[in-house]
N, C-alpha and C. Protein backbone atom coordinates (compact mmCIF):
# COMPACT_ATOMS: atom_id res chain seq x y z
N MET A 1 111.89 113.02 92.79
CA MET A 1 110.89 112.12 93.14
C MET A 1 110.79 112.21 94.56
N ASN A 2 109.55 112.37 95.21
CA ASN A 2 109.46 112.37 96.65
C ASN A 2 109.19 110.97 97.19
N LYS A 3 109.25 110.93 98.47
CA LYS A 3 109.18 109.61 99.12
C LYS A 3 107.89 108.83 98.99
N GLN A 4 106.80 109.66 98.91
CA GLN A 4 105.43 109.05 98.59
C GLN A 4 105.39 108.37 97.30
N THR A 5 105.89 109.02 96.34
CA THR A 5 105.91 108.47 94.96
C THR A 5 106.62 107.07 94.88
N ILE A 6 107.75 107.07 95.46
CA ILE A 6 108.74 105.82 95.55
C ILE A 6 107.95 104.81 96.23
N THR A 7 107.33 105.07 97.41
CA THR A 7 106.62 104.05 98.27
C THR A 7 105.50 103.59 97.38
N ILE A 8 104.68 104.29 96.75
CA ILE A 8 103.49 103.89 95.99
C ILE A 8 104.06 103.00 94.79
N ALA A 9 105.04 103.42 94.10
CA ALA A 9 105.63 102.63 93.04
C ALA A 9 106.09 101.16 93.56
N GLY A 10 106.72 101.21 94.63
CA GLY A 10 107.07 99.91 95.28
C GLY A 10 106.07 98.96 95.55
N LEU A 11 104.92 99.64 96.21
CA LEU A 11 103.79 98.81 96.50
C LEU A 11 103.12 98.18 95.30
N MET A 12 103.03 99.11 94.25
CA MET A 12 102.39 98.65 92.89
C MET A 12 103.22 97.53 92.35
N LEU A 13 104.40 97.60 92.45
CA LEU A 13 105.31 96.57 91.87
C LEU A 13 105.05 95.21 92.59
N LEU A 14 105.05 95.29 93.95
CA LEU A 14 104.75 94.22 94.79
C LEU A 14 103.34 93.65 94.45
N LEU A 15 102.34 94.39 94.31
CA LEU A 15 101.02 93.96 93.97
C LEU A 15 101.00 93.26 92.71
N GLY A 16 101.70 93.83 91.67
CA GLY A 16 101.79 93.27 90.32
C GLY A 16 102.40 91.92 90.29
N LEU A 17 103.51 91.75 91.10
CA LEU A 17 104.27 90.47 91.19
C LEU A 17 103.41 89.54 91.89
N GLY A 18 102.62 89.88 92.99
CA GLY A 18 101.78 88.88 93.71
C GLY A 18 100.68 88.48 92.77
N ALA A 19 99.93 89.31 92.04
CA ALA A 19 98.96 88.97 91.15
C ALA A 19 99.43 88.14 90.01
N GLY A 20 100.58 88.32 89.50
CA GLY A 20 101.18 87.38 88.54
C GLY A 20 101.48 86.09 89.03
N TYR A 21 101.88 86.02 90.25
CA TYR A 21 102.08 84.58 90.92
C TYR A 21 100.93 83.94 91.14
N MET A 22 99.84 84.62 91.47
CA MET A 22 98.55 84.05 91.78
C MET A 22 97.82 83.45 90.58
N PHE A 23 97.99 84.24 89.50
CA PHE A 23 97.12 83.96 88.17
C PHE A 23 98.01 83.09 87.20
N ALA A 24 99.24 82.84 87.54
CA ALA A 24 100.06 82.00 86.68
C ALA A 24 99.65 80.56 86.65
N PRO A 25 99.62 79.89 85.62
CA PRO A 25 99.19 78.47 85.64
C PRO A 25 100.36 77.66 86.37
N SER A 26 99.88 76.92 87.43
CA SER A 26 100.87 76.30 88.28
C SER A 26 101.01 74.75 87.99
N SER A 27 99.90 74.23 87.61
CA SER A 27 99.90 72.82 87.50
C SER A 27 100.29 72.42 86.02
N PRO A 28 101.08 71.35 85.89
CA PRO A 28 101.49 70.89 84.55
C PRO A 28 100.35 70.58 83.65
N ASP A 29 99.15 70.17 84.07
CA ASP A 29 98.06 69.89 83.31
C ASP A 29 97.55 71.10 82.52
N MET A 30 97.69 72.17 83.09
CA MET A 30 97.20 73.49 82.56
C MET A 30 98.23 74.01 81.43
N GLN A 31 99.46 73.55 81.47
CA GLN A 31 100.35 73.91 80.45
C GLN A 31 100.33 73.03 79.24
N ALA A 32 100.81 73.48 78.15
CA ALA A 32 100.88 72.74 76.92
C ALA A 32 101.99 71.61 77.15
N LYS A 33 101.64 70.53 76.77
CA LYS A 33 102.54 69.27 76.89
C LYS A 33 103.36 69.25 75.47
N GLN A 34 104.52 68.72 75.55
CA GLN A 34 105.43 68.72 74.45
C GLN A 34 104.86 67.57 73.43
N GLY A 35 104.15 66.75 73.85
CA GLY A 35 103.75 65.68 72.95
C GLY A 35 102.47 66.21 72.14
N ASP A 36 101.83 67.18 72.49
CA ASP A 36 100.66 67.79 71.80
C ASP A 36 101.14 68.72 70.70
N VAL A 37 101.38 68.20 69.46
CA VAL A 37 101.68 68.96 68.33
C VAL A 37 100.55 69.22 67.50
N LYS A 38 100.42 70.46 67.18
CA LYS A 38 99.20 70.69 66.25
C LYS A 38 99.56 70.78 64.87
N LYS A 39 98.76 70.21 63.99
CA LYS A 39 99.09 70.13 62.58
C LYS A 39 98.71 71.43 62.01
N VAL A 40 99.54 71.91 61.16
CA VAL A 40 99.28 73.12 60.35
C VAL A 40 98.29 72.90 59.32
N LEU A 41 97.20 73.69 59.36
CA LEU A 41 96.09 73.51 58.32
C LEU A 41 96.49 74.28 57.02
N PHE A 42 96.95 75.46 57.20
CA PHE A 42 97.28 76.12 55.98
C PHE A 42 98.19 77.33 56.41
N TYR A 43 98.90 77.89 55.33
CA TYR A 43 99.91 79.00 55.46
C TYR A 43 99.31 80.13 54.85
N ARG A 44 99.29 81.30 55.53
CA ARG A 44 98.84 82.46 55.03
C ARG A 44 100.00 83.38 54.94
N ASN A 45 100.29 84.09 53.71
CA ASN A 45 101.35 84.94 53.55
C ASN A 45 100.99 86.26 54.32
N PRO A 46 101.86 86.70 55.21
CA PRO A 46 101.56 87.87 55.97
C PRO A 46 101.62 89.24 55.14
N MET A 47 102.39 89.21 54.00
CA MET A 47 102.46 90.23 53.15
C MET A 47 101.32 90.47 52.18
N ASN A 48 100.79 89.20 51.79
CA ASN A 48 99.69 89.18 50.94
C ASN A 48 98.61 88.18 51.54
N PRO A 49 97.72 88.67 52.29
CA PRO A 49 96.87 87.80 52.91
C PRO A 49 95.89 86.96 51.98
N GLY A 50 95.75 87.39 50.76
CA GLY A 50 94.91 86.65 49.82
C GLY A 50 95.60 85.42 49.29
N HIS A 51 96.90 85.28 49.45
CA HIS A 51 97.66 84.19 49.08
C HIS A 51 97.91 83.20 50.17
N TYR A 52 97.28 82.10 50.13
CA TYR A 52 97.49 80.93 51.15
C TYR A 52 97.70 79.60 50.54
N ILE A 53 98.38 78.84 51.20
CA ILE A 53 98.59 77.45 50.77
C ILE A 53 97.89 76.42 51.65
N THR A 54 97.25 75.48 51.12
CA THR A 54 96.49 74.53 51.91
C THR A 54 97.12 73.09 51.98
N ARG A 55 98.14 72.91 51.06
CA ARG A 55 98.76 71.57 51.15
C ARG A 55 100.12 71.81 51.87
N THR A 56 100.39 70.68 52.56
CA THR A 56 101.78 70.65 53.42
C THR A 56 102.86 70.40 52.50
N ARG A 57 104.02 70.91 52.84
CA ARG A 57 105.20 70.69 52.09
C ARG A 57 106.04 69.50 52.66
N GLN A 58 106.44 68.45 52.04
CA GLN A 58 107.23 67.35 52.64
C GLN A 58 108.56 67.50 52.30
N ARG A 59 109.45 67.28 53.14
CA ARG A 59 110.94 67.44 52.88
C ARG A 59 111.47 66.12 52.80
């Protein structure tokens, strides 16, 4: 690998890290809160999509 390829790869890595830092959600309001629990509406079997259960199972 020549010097130009390594330099470009390093710059692209820094550019990607900077973009990830800029676009990452930084405020806690944008992130999911632990108290917000979604209720499961139904279960669909991944091996047989035609089979699904609409009632919840209580333990």
